[in-house]
C-alpha atoms as a PDB file:
ATOM      1  CA  MET A   1      72.277  33.850 -76.121  1.00  0.00           C
ATOM      2  CA  ARG A   2      69.715  32.956 -73.473  1.00  0.00           C
ATOM      3  CA  ARG A   3      69.005  29.670 -75.228  1.00  0.00           C
ATOM      4  CA  SER A   4      72.720  28.861 -75.207  1.00  0.00           C
ATOM      5  CA  LEU A   5      72.988  29.658 -71.507  1.00  0.00           C
ATOM      6  CA  LEU A   6      69.955  27.484 -70.773  1.00  0.00           C
ATOM      7  CA  ILE A   7      71.421  24.565 -72.723  1.00  0.00           C
ATOM      8  CA  LEU A   8      74.757  25.025 -70.933  1.00  0.00           C
ATOM      9  CA  SER A   9      73.032  25.143 -67.540  1.00  0.00           C
ATOM     10  CA  LEU A  10      71.089  21.973 -68.268  1.00  0.00           C
ATOM     11  CA  ALA A  11      74.242  20.257 -69.439  1.00  0.00           C
ATOM     12  CA  LEU A  12      76.099  21.236 -66.259  1.00  0.00           C
ATOM     13  CA  CYS A  13      73.219  19.945 -64.105  1.00  0.00           C
ATOM     14  CA  ALA A  14      73.155  16.674 -65.997  1.00  0.00           C
ATOM     15  CA  ARG A  15      76.933  16.322 -65.568  1.00  0.00           C
ATOM     16  CA  ALA A  16      76.657  17.063 -61.839  1.00  0.00           C
ATOM     17  CA  LEU A  17      73.956  14.425 -61.445  1.00  0.00           C
ATOM     18  CA  ALA A  18      76.015  11.952 -63.430  1.00  0.00           C
ATOM     19  CA  ASP A  19      79.003  12.561 -61.161  1.00  0.00           C
ATOM     20  CA  GLN A  20      77.003  11.731 -58.015  1.00  0.00           C
ATOM     21  CA  PRO A  21      77.378   8.143 -56.805  1.00  0.00           C
ATOM     22  CA  ALA A  22      74.347   5.913 -57.107  1.00  0.00           C
ATOM     23  CA  PRO A  23      72.465   5.221 -53.844  1.00  0.00           C
ATOM     24  CA  HIS A  24      73.858   2.240 -51.980  1.00  0.00           C
ATOM     25  CA  LEU A  25      74.096   0.809 -48.477  1.00  0.00           C
ATOM     26  CA  VAL A  26      76.563   2.277 -45.985  1.00  0.00           C
ATOM     27  CA  ALA A  27      76.950  -0.106 -43.043  1.00  0.00           C
ATOM     28  CA  ARG A  28      78.551  -0.539 -39.644  1.00  0.00           C
ATOM     29  CA  SER A  29      78.419  -3.433 -37.185  1.00  0.00           C
ATOM     30  CA  GLY A  30      79.261  -3.567 -33.493  1.00  0.00           C
ATOM     31  CA  GLU A  31      78.290  -5.141 -30.201  1.00  0.00           C
ATOM     32  CA  ALA A  32      75.800  -3.782 -27.674  1.00  0.00           C
ATOM     33  CA  MET A  33      73.155  -5.139 -25.311  1.00  0.00           C
ATOM     34  CA  GLY A  34      74.767  -8.560 -25.408  1.00  0.00           C
ATOM     35  CA  THR A  35      74.275  -9.012 -29.147  1.00  0.00           C
ATOM     36  CA  VAL A  36      75.512  -7.914 -32.572  1.00  0.00           C
ATOM     37  CA  VAL A  37      74.100  -4.601 -33.781  1.00  0.00           C
ATOM     38  CA  ASP A  38      74.057  -3.858 -37.503  1.00  0.00           C
ATOM     39  CA  ILE A  39      73.025  -0.499 -38.997  1.00  0.00           C
ATOM     40  CA  ARG A  40      72.738   0.117 -42.744  1.00  0.00           C
ATOM     41  CA  VAL A  41      71.671   3.305 -44.493  1.00  0.00           C
ATOM     42  CA  TRP A  42      70.526   3.621 -48.126  1.00  0.00           C
ATOM     43  CA  THR A  43      72.259   6.766 -49.361  1.00  0.00           C
ATOM     44  CA  SER A  44      74.554   8.445 -51.853  1.00  0.00           C
ATOM     45  CA  ASP A  45      76.270  10.542 -49.158  1.00  0.00           C
ATOM     46  CA  ASP A  46      78.708   8.232 -47.384  1.00  0.00           C
ATOM     47  CA  ASP A  47      80.233  10.765 -44.995  1.00  0.00           C
ATOM     48  CA  LYS A  48      76.912  12.086 -43.747  1.00  0.00           C
ATOM     49  CA  ALA A  49      75.586   8.530 -43.417  1.00  0.00           C
ATOM     50  CA  ARG A  50      78.592   7.371 -41.385  1.00  0.00           C
ATOM     51  CA  ALA A  51      78.176  10.292 -38.992  1.00  0.00           C
ATOM     52  CA  ALA A  52      74.483   9.460 -38.567  1.00  0.00           C
ATOM     53  CA  ILE A  53      75.247   5.775 -37.987  1.00  0.00           C
ATOM     54  CA  ASP A  54      77.839   6.688 -35.356  1.00  0.00           C
ATOM     55  CA  ALA A  55      75.239   8.853 -33.611  1.00  0.00           C
ATOM     56  CA  ALA A  56      72.733   5.976 -33.747  1.00  0.00           C
ATOM     57  CA  PHE A  57      75.261   3.648 -32.096  1.00  0.00           C
ATOM     58  CA  ASP A  58      75.858   6.284 -29.426  1.00  0.00           C
ATOM     59  CA  GLU A  59      72.133   6.400 -28.736  1.00  0.00           C
ATOM     60  CA  ILE A  60      71.950   2.616 -28.365  1.00  0.00           C
ATOM     61  CA  ALA A  61      74.847   2.739 -25.894  1.00  0.00           C
ATOM     62  CA  ARG A  62      73.101   5.491 -23.922  1.00  0.00           C
ATOM     63  CA  VAL A  63      69.857   3.496 -23.687  1.00  0.00           C
ATOM     64  CA  GLU A  64      71.819   0.413 -22.651  1.00  0.00           C
ATOM     65  CA  ARG A  65      73.511   2.304 -19.824  1.00  0.00           C
ATOM     66  CA  LEU A  66      70.102   3.341 -18.492  1.00  0.00           C
ATOM     67  CA  MET A  67      68.435  -0.073 -18.647  1.00  0.00           C
ATOM     68  CA  THR A  68      71.125  -2.736 -18.262  1.00  0.00           C
ATOM     69  CA  THR A  69      71.333  -5.012 -15.241  1.00  0.00           C
ATOM     70  CA  TRP A  70      75.115  -5.219 -15.692  1.00  0.00           C
ATOM     71  CA  ARG A  71      75.821  -1.806 -14.125  1.00  0.00           C
ATOM     72  CA  ASP A  72      75.069  -0.943 -10.505  1.00  0.00           C
ATOM     73  CA  ASP A  73      74.261   2.660 -11.423  1.00  0.00           C
ATOM     74  CA  SER A  74      71.659   1.949 -14.138  1.00  0.00           C
ATOM     75  CA  ASP A  75      68.004   2.814 -13.612  1.00  0.00           C
ATOM     76  CA  ILE A  76      67.030  -0.861 -13.504  1.00  0.00           C
ATOM     77  CA  ALA A  77      69.818  -1.873 -11.126  1.00  0.00           C
ATOM     78  CA  ARG A  78      68.806   0.920  -8.739  1.00  0.00           C
ATOM     79  CA  LEU A  79      65.146  -0.103  -9.027  1.00  0.00           C
ATOM     80  CA  ASN A  80      65.980  -3.701  -8.150  1.00  0.00           C
ATOM     81  CA  ALA A  81      68.175  -2.666  -5.227  1.00  0.00           C
ATOM     82  CA  ALA A  82      65.303  -0.597  -3.775  1.00  0.00           C
ATOM     83  CA  ALA A  83      62.634  -3.318  -4.150  1.00  0.00           C
ATOM     84  CA  GLY A  84      60.222  -3.252  -1.240  1.00  0.00           C
ATOM     85  CA  VAL A  85      61.943  -0.168   0.187  1.00  0.00           C
ATOM     86  CA  ALA A  86      61.340   2.986  -1.840  1.00  0.00           C
ATOM     87  CA  PRO A  87      60.442   4.338  -5.303  1.00  0.00           C
ATOM     88  CA  VAL A  88      63.317   5.232  -7.615  1.00  0.00           C
ATOM     89  CA  VAL A  89      63.474   8.218  -9.969  1.00  0.00           C
ATOM     90  CA  VAL A  90      64.338   7.031 -13.476  1.00  0.00           C
ATOM     91  CA  SER A  91      64.981   8.540 -16.890  1.00  0.00           C
ATOM     92  CA  PRO A  92      62.081   9.337 -19.249  1.00  0.00           C
ATOM     93  CA  GLU A  93      63.292   6.544 -21.555  1.00  0.00           C
ATOM     94  CA  THR A  94      63.244   3.902 -18.828  1.00  0.00           C
ATOM     95  CA  LEU A  95      59.812   5.071 -17.681  1.00  0.00           C
ATOM     96  CA  GLU A  96      58.477   4.854 -21.244  1.00  0.00           C
ATOM     97  CA  CYS A  97      59.949   1.389 -21.781  1.00  0.00           C
ATOM     98  CA  VAL A  98      58.429   0.094 -18.531  1.00  0.00           C
ATOM     99  CA  LYS A  99      55.046   1.591 -19.412  1.00  0.00           C
ATOM    100  CA  ARG A 100      55.119  -0.208 -22.770  1.00  0.00           C
ATOM    101  CA  SER A 101      56.133  -3.410 -20.976  1.00  0.00           C
ATOM    102  CA  LEU A 102      53.129  -3.199 -18.663  1.00  0.00           C
ATOM    103  CA  GLU A 103      50.883  -2.661 -21.668  1.00  0.00           C
ATOM    104  CA  PHE A 104      52.081  -5.937 -23.187  1.00  0.00           C
ATOM    105  CA  SER A 105      51.712  -7.657 -19.811  1.00  0.00           C
ATOM    106  CA  ARG A 106      48.067  -6.621 -19.601  1.00  0.00           C
ATOM    107  CA  ARG A 107      47.341  -7.620 -23.199  1.00  0.00           C
ATOM    108  CA  SER A 108      48.940 -11.042 -22.758  1.00  0.00           C
ATOM    109  CA  GLY A 109      47.456 -11.762 -19.346  1.00  0.00           C
ATOM    110  CA  GLY A 110      50.906 -11.855 -17.794  1.00  0.00           C
ATOM    111  CA  ALA A 111      52.632 -14.017 -20.405  1.00  0.00           C
ATOM    112  CA  PHE A 112      54.960 -11.033 -20.783  1.00  0.00           C
ATOM    113  CA  ASP A 113      56.291  -9.908 -17.409  1.00  0.00           C
ATOM    114  CA  VAL A 114      59.498  -7.947 -16.847  1.00  0.00           C
ATOM    115  CA  THR A 115      59.524  -8.988 -13.183  1.00  0.00           C
ATOM    116  CA  PHE A 116      60.525 -12.497 -14.310  1.00  0.00           C
ATOM    117  CA  TYR A 117      64.044 -11.542 -13.219  1.00  0.00           C
ATOM    118  CA  ALA A 118      63.227 -12.815  -9.738  1.00  0.00           C
ATOM    119  CA  LEU A 119      64.372 -16.129 -11.265  1.00  0.00           C
ATOM    120  CA  HIS A 120      67.836 -14.718 -11.960  1.00  0.00           C
ATOM    121  CA  GLY A 121      70.575 -17.283 -11.361  1.00  0.00           C
ATOM    122  CA  LEU A 122      68.343 -20.350 -11.509  1.00  0.00           C
ATOM    123  CA  TRP A 123      68.648 -20.720 -15.274  1.00  0.00           C
ATOM    124  CA  LYS A 124      72.001 -20.115 -16.981  1.00  0.00           C
ATOM    125  CA  PHE A 125      71.854 -19.729 -20.742  1.00  0.00           C
ATOM    126  CA  ASP A 126      74.329 -16.912 -21.415  1.00  0.00           C
ATOM    127  CA  GLN A 127      78.114 -16.835 -21.096  1.00  0.00           C
ATOM    128  CA  ASP A 128      77.615 -18.720 -17.835  1.00  0.00           C
ATOM    129  CA  LEU A 129      75.857 -21.596 -19.652  1.00  0.00           C
ATOM    130  CA  ASP A 130      75.212 -24.414 -17.215  1.00  0.00           C
ATOM    131  CA  PRO A 131      73.129 -27.327 -18.542  1.00  0.00           C
ATOM    132  CA  ARG A 132      71.592 -28.230 -15.200  1.00  0.00           C
ATOM    133  CA  LEU A 133      67.973 -27.911 -14.169  1.00  0.00           C
ATOM    134  CA  PRO A 134      67.113 -25.732 -11.176  1.00  0.00           C
ATOM    135  CA  ASP A 135      65.549 -27.030  -7.977  1.00  0.00           C
ATOM    136  CA  PRO A 136      61.771 -27.143  -8.644  1.00  0.00           C
ATOM    137  CA  ALA A 137      61.075 -26.047  -5.071  1.00  0.00           C
ATOM    138  CA  GLU A 138      63.211 -22.939  -5.508  1.00  0.00           C
ATOM    139  CA  VAL A 139      61.509 -22.135  -8.814  1.00  0.00           C
ATOM    140  CA  LYS A 140      58.135 -22.429  -7.108  1.00  0.00           C
ATOM    141  CA  ARG A 141      59.264 -20.144  -4.310  1.00  0.00           C
ATOM    142  CA  ARG A 142      60.560 -17.450  -6.628  1.00  0.00           C
ATOM    143  CA  ILE A 143      57.636 -17.306  -9.044  1.00  0.00           C
ATOM    144  CA  LYS A 144      55.631 -15.851  -6.179  1.00  0.00           C
ATOM    145  CA  LEU A 145      57.773 -12.740  -6.675  1.00  0.00           C
ATOM    146  CA  ILE A 146      56.819 -12.438 -10.362  1.00  0.00           C
ATOM    147  CA  ASP A 147      53.875 -10.062 -10.781  1.00  0.00           C
ATOM    148  CA  TYR A 148      53.874  -7.070 -13.123  1.00  0.00           C
ATOM    149  CA  ARG A 149      50.942  -5.636 -11.158  1.00  0.00           C
ATOM    150  CA  LYS A 150      53.349  -4.972  -8.272  1.00  0.00           C
ATOM    151  CA  LEU A 151      55.533  -2.743 -10.438  1.00  0.00           C
ATOM    152  CA  VAL A 152      54.191   0.745  -9.724  1.00  0.00           C
ATOM    153  CA  VAL A 153      54.635   3.637 -12.155  1.00  0.00           C
ATOM    154  CA  ASP A 154      54.237   7.250 -11.018  1.00  0.00           C
ATOM    155  CA  GLU A 155      54.404   9.386 -14.146  1.00  0.00           C
ATOM    156  CA  LYS A 156      54.225  12.719 -12.330  1.00  0.00           C
ATOM    157  CA  LYS A 157      57.156  11.916 -10.061  1.00  0.00           C
ATOM    158  CA  ARG A 158      58.822   9.811 -12.785  1.00  0.00           C
ATOM    159  CA  THR A 159      59.378   6.956 -10.378  1.00  0.00           C
ATOM    160  CA  LEU A 160      59.182   3.173 -10.407  1.00  0.00           C
ATOM    161  CA  PHE A 161      58.612   0.985  -7.371  1.00  0.00           C
ATOM    162  CA  LEU A 162      58.675  -2.765  -6.792  1.00  0.00           C
ATOM    163  CA  LYS A 163      56.306  -3.525  -3.937  1.00  0.00           C
ATOM    164  CA  GLU A 164      58.090  -6.564  -2.482  1.00  0.00           C
ATOM    165  CA  LYS A 165      61.664  -7.298  -1.498  1.00  0.00           C
ATOM    166  CA  GLY A 166      63.208  -9.891  -3.754  1.00  0.00           C
ATOM    167  CA  MET A 167      61.350  -8.660  -6.843  1.00  0.00           C
ATOM    168  CA  ARG A 168      63.584  -7.801  -9.799  1.00  0.00           C
ATOM    169  CA  VAL A 169      63.066  -6.304 -13.253  1.00  0.00           C
ATOM    170  CA  ASN A 170      64.889  -7.054 -16.481  1.00  0.00           C
ATOM    171  CA  LEU A 171      63.964  -5.258 -19.719  1.00  0.00           C
ATOM    172  CA  GLY A 172      65.735  -7.781 -21.943  1.00  0.00           C
ATOM    173  CA  GLY A 173      62.440  -8.809 -23.526  1.00  0.00           C
ATOM    174  CA  ILE A 174      61.724  -5.321 -24.863  1.00  0.00           C
ATOM    175  CA  GLY A 175      64.813  -3.158 -24.379  1.00  0.00           C
ATOM    176  CA  LYS A 176      66.557  -4.108 -27.631  1.00  0.00           C
ATOM    177  CA  GLY A 177      63.470  -3.206 -29.627  1.00  0.00           C
ATOM    178  CA  TYR A 178      63.222   0.117 -27.812  1.00  0.00           C
ATOM    179  CA  ALA A 179      66.908   0.856 -28.501  1.00  0.00           C
ATOM    180  CA  VAL A 180      66.409  -0.015 -32.175  1.00  0.00           C
ATOM    181  CA  ASP A 181      63.562   2.502 -32.360  1.00  0.00           C
ATOM    182  CA  ARG A 182      65.681   5.191 -30.688  1.00  0.00           C
ATOM    183  CA  ALA A 183      68.521   4.551 -33.152  1.00  0.00           C
ATOM    184  CA  THR A 184      66.075   4.687 -36.073  1.00  0.00           C
ATOM    185  CA  LYS A 185      64.822   8.060 -34.825  1.00  0.00           C
ATOM    186  CA  VAL A 186      68.386   9.399 -34.776  1.00  0.00           C
ATOM    187  CA  LEU A 187      68.823   8.373 -38.420  1.00  0.00           C
ATOM    188  CA  ARG A 188      65.505   9.921 -39.426  1.00  0.00           C
ATOM    189  CA  ASP A 189      66.270  13.151 -37.579  1.00  0.00           C
ATOM    190  CA  ARG A 190      69.463  13.380 -39.650  1.00  0.00           C
ATOM    191  CA  GLY A 191      67.598  12.924 -42.907  1.00  0.00           C
ATOM    192  CA  PHE A 192      67.925   9.168 -43.458  1.00  0.00           C
ATOM    193  CA  ARG A 193      64.500   7.579 -43.715  1.00  0.00           C
ATOM    194  CA  ASP A 194      65.616   4.448 -45.602  1.00  0.00           C
ATOM    195  CA  ALA A 195      67.656   2.266 -43.278  1.00  0.00           C
ATOM    196  CA  ILE A 196      68.009  -1.062 -41.492  1.00  0.00           C
ATOM    197  CA  VAL A 197      68.697  -1.236 -37.769  1.00  0.00           C
ATOM    198  CA  GLN A 198      69.139  -4.710 -36.307  1.00  0.00           C
ATOM    199  CA  ALA A 199      70.019  -5.856 -32.792  1.00  0.00           C
ATOM    200  CA  GLY A 200      69.980  -9.649 -32.605  1.00  0.00           C
ATOM    201  CA  GLY A 201      66.483 -10.786 -33.504  1.00  0.00           C
ATOM    202  CA  ASP A 202      65.071  -7.237 -33.464  1.00  0.00           C
ATOM    203  CA  LEU A 203      64.974  -5.613 -36.872  1.00  0.00           C
ATOM    204  CA  MET A 204      63.597  -2.262 -38.055  1.00  0.00           C
ATOM    205  CA  LEU A 205      63.298  -1.908 -41.819  1.00  0.00           C
ATOM    206  CA  ALA A 206      62.725   1.822 -42.102  1.00  0.00           C
ATOM    207  CA  GLY A 207      61.401   3.257 -45.343  1.00  0.00           C
ATOM    208  CA  SER A 208      62.409   1.202 -48.356  1.00  0.00           C
ATOM    209  CA  LYS A 209      65.376   0.318 -50.545  1.00  0.00           C
ATOM    210  CA  GLY A 210      65.145   2.915 -53.264  1.00  0.00           C
ATOM    211  CA  GLY A 211      61.366   2.593 -53.446  1.00  0.00           C
ATOM    212  CA  ARG A 212      61.402  -1.198 -53.319  1.00  0.00           C
ATOM    213  CA  PRO A 213      60.442  -3.186 -50.203  1.00  0.00           C
ATOM    214  CA  TRP A 214      63.166  -4.617 -48.012  1.00  0.00           C
ATOM    215  CA  GLN A 215      63.330  -8.420 -47.921  1.00  0.00           C
ATOM    216  CA  ALA A 216      63.372 -10.012 -44.451  1.00  0.00           C
ATOM    217  CA  GLY A 217      63.963 -13.700 -43.821  1.00  0.00           C
ATOM    218  CA  ILE A 218      62.450 -15.822 -41.049  1.00  0.00           C
ATOM    219  CA  ARG A 219      64.972 -18.290 -39.694  1.00  0.00           C
ATOM    220  CA  ASP A 220      64.287 -22.015 -39.770  1.00  0.00           C
ATOM    221  CA  PRO A 221      64.163 -22.959 -36.044  1.00  0.00           C
ATOM    222  CA  ARG A 222      65.891 -26.315 -36.615  1.00  0.00           C
ATOM    223  CA  GLY A 223      67.905 -25.371 -39.692  1.00  0.00           C
ATOM    224  CA  GLU A 224      71.408 -24.013 -39.998  1.00  0.00           C
ATOM    225  CA  ARG A 225      72.048 -20.377 -39.079  1.00  0.00           C
ATOM    226  CA  ASP A 226      71.113 -17.999 -41.929  1.00  0.00           C
ATOM    227  CA  VAL A 227      68.749 -20.569 -43.438  1.00  0.00           C
ATOM    228  CA  TYR A 228      65.214 -19.203 -43.845  1.00  0.00           C
ATOM    229  CA  PHE A 229      61.944 -21.050 -44.285  1.00  0.00           C
ATOM    230  CA  ALA A 230      60.001 -17.873 -45.152  1.00  0.00           C
ATOM    231  CA  ILE A 231      60.574 -14.330 -46.412  1.00  0.00           C
ATOM    232  CA  GLY A 232      58.577 -11.142 -46.203  1.00  0.00           C
ATOM    233  CA  ALA A 233      58.501  -7.969 -48.309  1.00  0.00           C
ATOM    234  CA  VAL A 234      58.645  -5.209 -45.715  1.00  0.00           C
ATOM    235  CA  THR A 235      58.270  -1.435 -46.034  1.00  0.00           C
ATOM    236  CA  ASP A 236      58.714   0.798 -42.978  1.00  0.00           C
ATOM    237  CA  HIS A 237      57.958  -1.966 -40.491  1.00  0.00           C
ATOM    238  CA  ALA A 238      59.777  -3.974 -37.837  1.00  0.00           C
ATOM    239  CA  PHE A 239      60.413  -7.703 -37.731  1.00  0.00           C
ATOM    240  CA  SER A 240      61.226  -9.340 -34.392  1.00  0.00           C
ATOM    241  CA  THR A 241      61.837 -13.049 -33.895  1.00  0.00           C
ATOM    242  CA  ALA A 242      61.925 -15.028 -30.667  1.00  0.00           C
ATOM    243  CA  GLY A 243      62.955 -18.665 -30.790  1.00  0.00           C
ATOM    244  CA  ASP A 244      63.955 -21.615 -28.656  1.00  0.00           C
ATOM    245  CA  TYR A 245      67.142 -22.112 -30.710  1.00  0.00           C
ATOM    246  CA  GLU A 246      69.370 -19.192 -29.693  1.00  0.00           C
ATOM    247  CA  ARG A 247      70.255 -20.048 -26.087  1.00  0.00           C
ATOM    248  CA  PHE A 248      69.438 -23.572 -24.962  1.00  0.00           C
ATOM    249  CA  PHE A 249      70.697 -26.923 -23.739  1.00  0.00           C
ATOM    250  CA  PHE A 250      69.428 -30.506 -23.706  1.00  0.00           C
ATOM    251  CA  VAL A 251      68.776 -32.676 -20.671  1.00  0.00           C
ATOM    252  CA  ASP A 252      67.656 -36.281 -21.280  1.00  0.00           C
ATOM    253  CA  GLY A 253      66.820 -35.393 -24.889  1.00  0.00           C
ATOM    254  CA  LYS A 254      64.582 -32.431 -23.976  1.00  0.00           C
ATOM    255  CA  ARG A 255      65.361 -28.885 -25.056  1.00  0.00           C
ATOM    256  CA  TYR A 256      65.446 -26.165 -22.398  1.00  0.00           C
ATOM    257  CA  HIS A 257      65.773 -22.567 -23.630  1.00  0.00           C
ATOM    258  CA  HIS A 258      65.968 -18.998 -22.356  1.00  0.00           C
ATOM    259  CA  ILE A 259      62.355 -17.870 -22.935  1.00  0.00           C
ATOM    260  CA  ILE A 260      60.772 -18.554 -19.563  1.00  0.00           C
ATOM    261  CA  ASP A 261      57.035 -18.722 -18.906  1.00  0.00           C
ATOM    262  CA  PRO A 262      56.614 -16.347 -15.927  1.00  0.00           C
ATOM    263  CA  LYS A 263      53.643 -18.354 -14.665  1.00  0.00           C
ATOM    264  CA  THR A 264      55.607 -21.596 -14.311  1.00  0.00           C
ATOM    265  CA  GLY A 265      59.248 -20.495 -14.078  1.00  0.00           C
ATOM    266  CA  TRP A 266      60.161 -23.042 -16.783  1.00  0.00           C
ATOM    267  CA  PRO A 267      60.923 -22.633 -20.502  1.00  0.00           C
ATOM    268  CA  ALA A 268      57.915 -22.181 -22.776  1.00  0.00           C
ATOM    269  CA  THR A 269      56.841 -25.300 -24.659  1.00  0.00           C
ATOM    270  CA  ARG A 270      54.064 -24.264 -27.048  1.00  0.00           C
ATOM    271  CA  ALA A 271      56.105 -22.898 -29.961  1.00  0.00           C
ATOM    272  CA  ARG A 272      59.539 -23.044 -31.552  1.00  0.00           C
ATOM    273  CA  SER A 273      59.648 -19.557 -32.987  1.00  0.00           C
ATOM    274  CA  VAL A 274      57.536 -16.442 -33.373  1.00  0.00           C
ATOM    275  CA  THR A 275      58.128 -13.567 -35.782  1.00  0.00           C
ATOM    276  CA  ILE A 276      56.201 -10.345 -35.245  1.00  0.00           C
ATOM    277  CA  TRP A 277      55.594  -7.705 -37.928  1.00  0.00           C
ATOM    278  CA  ALA A 278      54.743  -4.292 -36.440  1.00  0.00           C
ATOM    279  CA  PRO A 279      55.093  -0.546 -37.118  1.00  0.00           C
ATOM    280  CA  ASP A 280      57.902  -0.190 -34.572  1.00  0.00           C
ATOM    281  CA  ALA A 281      60.529  -2.438 -33.038  1.00  0.00           C
ATOM    282  CA  THR A 282      59.359  -1.898 -29.454  1.00  0.00           C
ATOM    283  CA  THR A 283      55.948  -3.357 -30.299  1.00  0.00           C
ATOM    284  CA  ALA A 284      57.474  -6.238 -32.241  1.00  0.00           C
ATOM    285  CA  ASP A 285      59.931  -7.052 -29.456  1.00  0.00           C
ATOM    286  CA  GLY A 286      57.249  -6.801 -26.775  1.00  0.00           C
ATOM    287  CA  LEU A 287      54.959  -9.260 -28.567  1.00  0.00           C
ATOM    288  CA  ASP A 288      57.213 -12.064 -29.778  1.00  0.00           C
ATOM    289  CA  ASP A 289      57.969 -13.609 -26.363  1.00  0.00           C
ATOM    290  CA  PRO A 290      54.358 -13.651 -25.071  1.00  0.00           C
ATOM    291  CA  VAL A 291      53.061 -15.168 -28.312  1.00  0.00           C
ATOM    292  CA  LEU A 292      55.712 -17.892 -28.072  1.00  0.00           C
ATOM    293  CA  ILE A 293      54.714 -18.516 -24.453  1.00  0.00           C
ATOM    294  CA  MET A 294      50.958 -18.438 -25.138  1.00  0.00           C
ATOM    295  CA  GLY A 295      51.143 -20.670 -28.209  1.00  0.00           C
ATOM    296  CA  TRP A 296      49.738 -20.046 -31.647  1.00  0.00           C
ATOM    297  CA  LYS A 297      45.991 -20.149 -30.898  1.00  0.00           C
ATOM    298  CA  GLU A 298      45.954 -17.696 -28.008  1.00  0.00           C
ATOM    299  CA  GLY A 299      48.849 -15.730 -29.434  1.00  0.00           C
ATOM    300  CA  LEU A 300      47.320 -15.126 -32.850  1.00  0.00           C
ATOM    301  CA  ALA A 301      43.978 -14.300 -31.240  1.00  0.00           C
ATOM    302  CA  MET A 302      45.756 -11.501 -29.372  1.00  0.00           C
ATOM    303  CA  ILE A 303      47.621 -10.377 -32.517  1.00  0.00           C
ATOM    304  CA  ASP A 304      44.397 -10.220 -34.552  1.00  0.00           C
ATOM    305  CA  GLN A 305      42.983  -7.730 -32.030  1.00  0.00           C
ATOM    306  CA  LEU A 306      45.818  -5.272 -32.670  1.00  0.00           C
ATOM    307  CA  GLY A 307      44.752  -4.205 -36.150  1.00  0.00           C
ATOM    308  CA  PRO A 308      46.019  -4.663 -39.710  1.00  0.00           C
ATOM    309  CA  GLN A 309      49.505  -3.216 -39.060  1.00  0.00           C
ATOM    310  CA  VAL A 310      50.538  -5.990 -36.651  1.00  0.00           C
ATOM    311  CA  GLY A 311      50.992  -9.631 -37.614  1.00  0.00           C
ATOM    312  CA  ALA A 312      52.758 -12.848 -36.667  1.00  0.00           C
ATOM    313  CA  VAL A 313      54.224 -16.048 -38.059  1.00  0.00           C
ATOM    314  CA  VAL A 314      54.390 -18.924 -35.570  1.00  0.00           C
ATOM    315  CA  VAL A 315      56.153 -22.258 -35.818  1.00  0.00           C
ATOM    316  CA  ASP A 316      54.385 -24.323 -33.165  1.00  0.00           C
ATOM    317  CA  ALA A 317      55.732 -27.138 -30.998  1.00  0.00           C
ATOM    318  CA  ASP A 318      54.738 -29.661 -33.686  1.00  0.00           C
ATOM    319  CA  ASN A 319      56.682 -27.717 -36.351  1.00  0.00           C
ATOM    320  CA  GLN A 320      53.533 -26.445 -38.074  1.00  0.00           C
ATOM    321  CA  VAL A 321      53.450 -22.891 -39.460  1.00  0.00           C
ATOM    322  CA  HIS A 322      50.637 -20.475 -38.612  1.00  0.00           C
ATOM    323  CA  VAL A 323      50.287 -17.035 -40.229  1.00  0.00           C
ATOM    324  CA  SER A 324      48.061 -14.272 -38.859  1.00  0.00           C
ATOM    325  CA  LYS A 325      45.420 -12.716 -41.105  1.00  0.00           C
ATOM    326  CA  SER A 326      47.306  -9.447 -41.421  1.00  0.00           C
ATOM    327  CA  MET A 327      50.473 -11.120 -42.729  1.00  0.00           C
ATOM    328  CA  GLN A 328      48.865 -13.224 -45.400  1.00  0.00           C
ATOM    329  CA  GLY A 329      50.127 -11.864 -48.708  1.00  0.00           C
ATOM    330  CA  ILE A 330      53.153 -10.271 -47.016  1.00  0.00           C
ATOM    331  CA  VAL A 331      55.028 -13.402 -46.032  1.00  0.00           C
ATOM    332  CA  THR A 332      55.948 -16.220 -48.419  1.00  0.00           C
ATOM    333  CA  ILE A 333      56.610 -19.726 -47.072  1.00  0.00           C
ATOM    334  CA  LEU A 334      59.578 -21.103 -49.016  1.00  0.00           C
ATOM    335  CA  ARG A 335      59.664 -24.586 -47.489  1.00  0.00           C
ATOM    336  CA  PRO A 336      58.477 -26.430 -44.370  1.00  0.00           C
ATOM    337  CA  PRO A 337      60.666 -25.836 -41.314  1.00  0.00           C
ATOM    338  CA  THR A 338      63.244 -28.522 -40.631  1.00  0.00           C
ATOM    339  CA  PRO A 339      62.039 -31.218 -38.219  1.00  0.00           C
ATOM    340  CA  GLY A 340      63.965 -32.065 -35.061  1.00  0.00           C
ATOM    341  CA  PRO A 341      63.791 -31.936 -31.253  1.00  0.00           C
END
């Protein structure tokens, strides 16, 4: 009798397992932070996954409200309005994001600098695209207001302060990565460790795809959209790409793009694209712009100091590909990048 019950129990368990859907991707796309956000979860529980994805989108929206420059009541808008006047109390998230920003500024010798926003309005690459060059004299005047060392953090009081009037902060060079990490945490807290969270060029490949690495492509800087010159097998790591091909215009045959060197006030010229591989999206996002600005030699020298869990792939100004030591064996070059101006 007991043997019969055991066989019946095993049969019922096997039937129950057979009735469960196989793991698959549950996805949702939307817009936030001025870009397309895509979240995918590897699961066999669609309803639970959709609820977690909705919560992750809510978290991204919350972070955006704190850090955007498009709202007068955001932490960053209030900080900019009080420049040279008084410190501003900000949220723990904004304080953390600014602290990480200053870390990348110090590591890169100022190639990454969130106070670059003093140049706001001189270059127009967004919806207000205007293919005209700014007045060099005005650029020279405003770069004097760019200096991350004059952005003061008081952790005890949870305040930020810009020392000079006219200084302005924009977290666009790191904020998307930070929001991606926050969304990933929401998914993990709800039991989903295998997921993809992408906001524009910032991509977190959490966990794996059923025990197999995720596959991430590196876009060809002069190729068609969705054409990749390299791929990487990624497990529980972020990929972030900065390139001169997303927002740009030509003047007299020369490309001008949205990644501005804070030391000159003009678009960076030493690389076409940089892809960073890192344990979290905030780190990846905070490193791609400065490496592009610094160029492959200085940039990869900095990357190599960060340990074996951080790497980079650089397409330089001459269209040559450079791969950091830590990414060799992870990334596969499929073809040379497409030539072009």
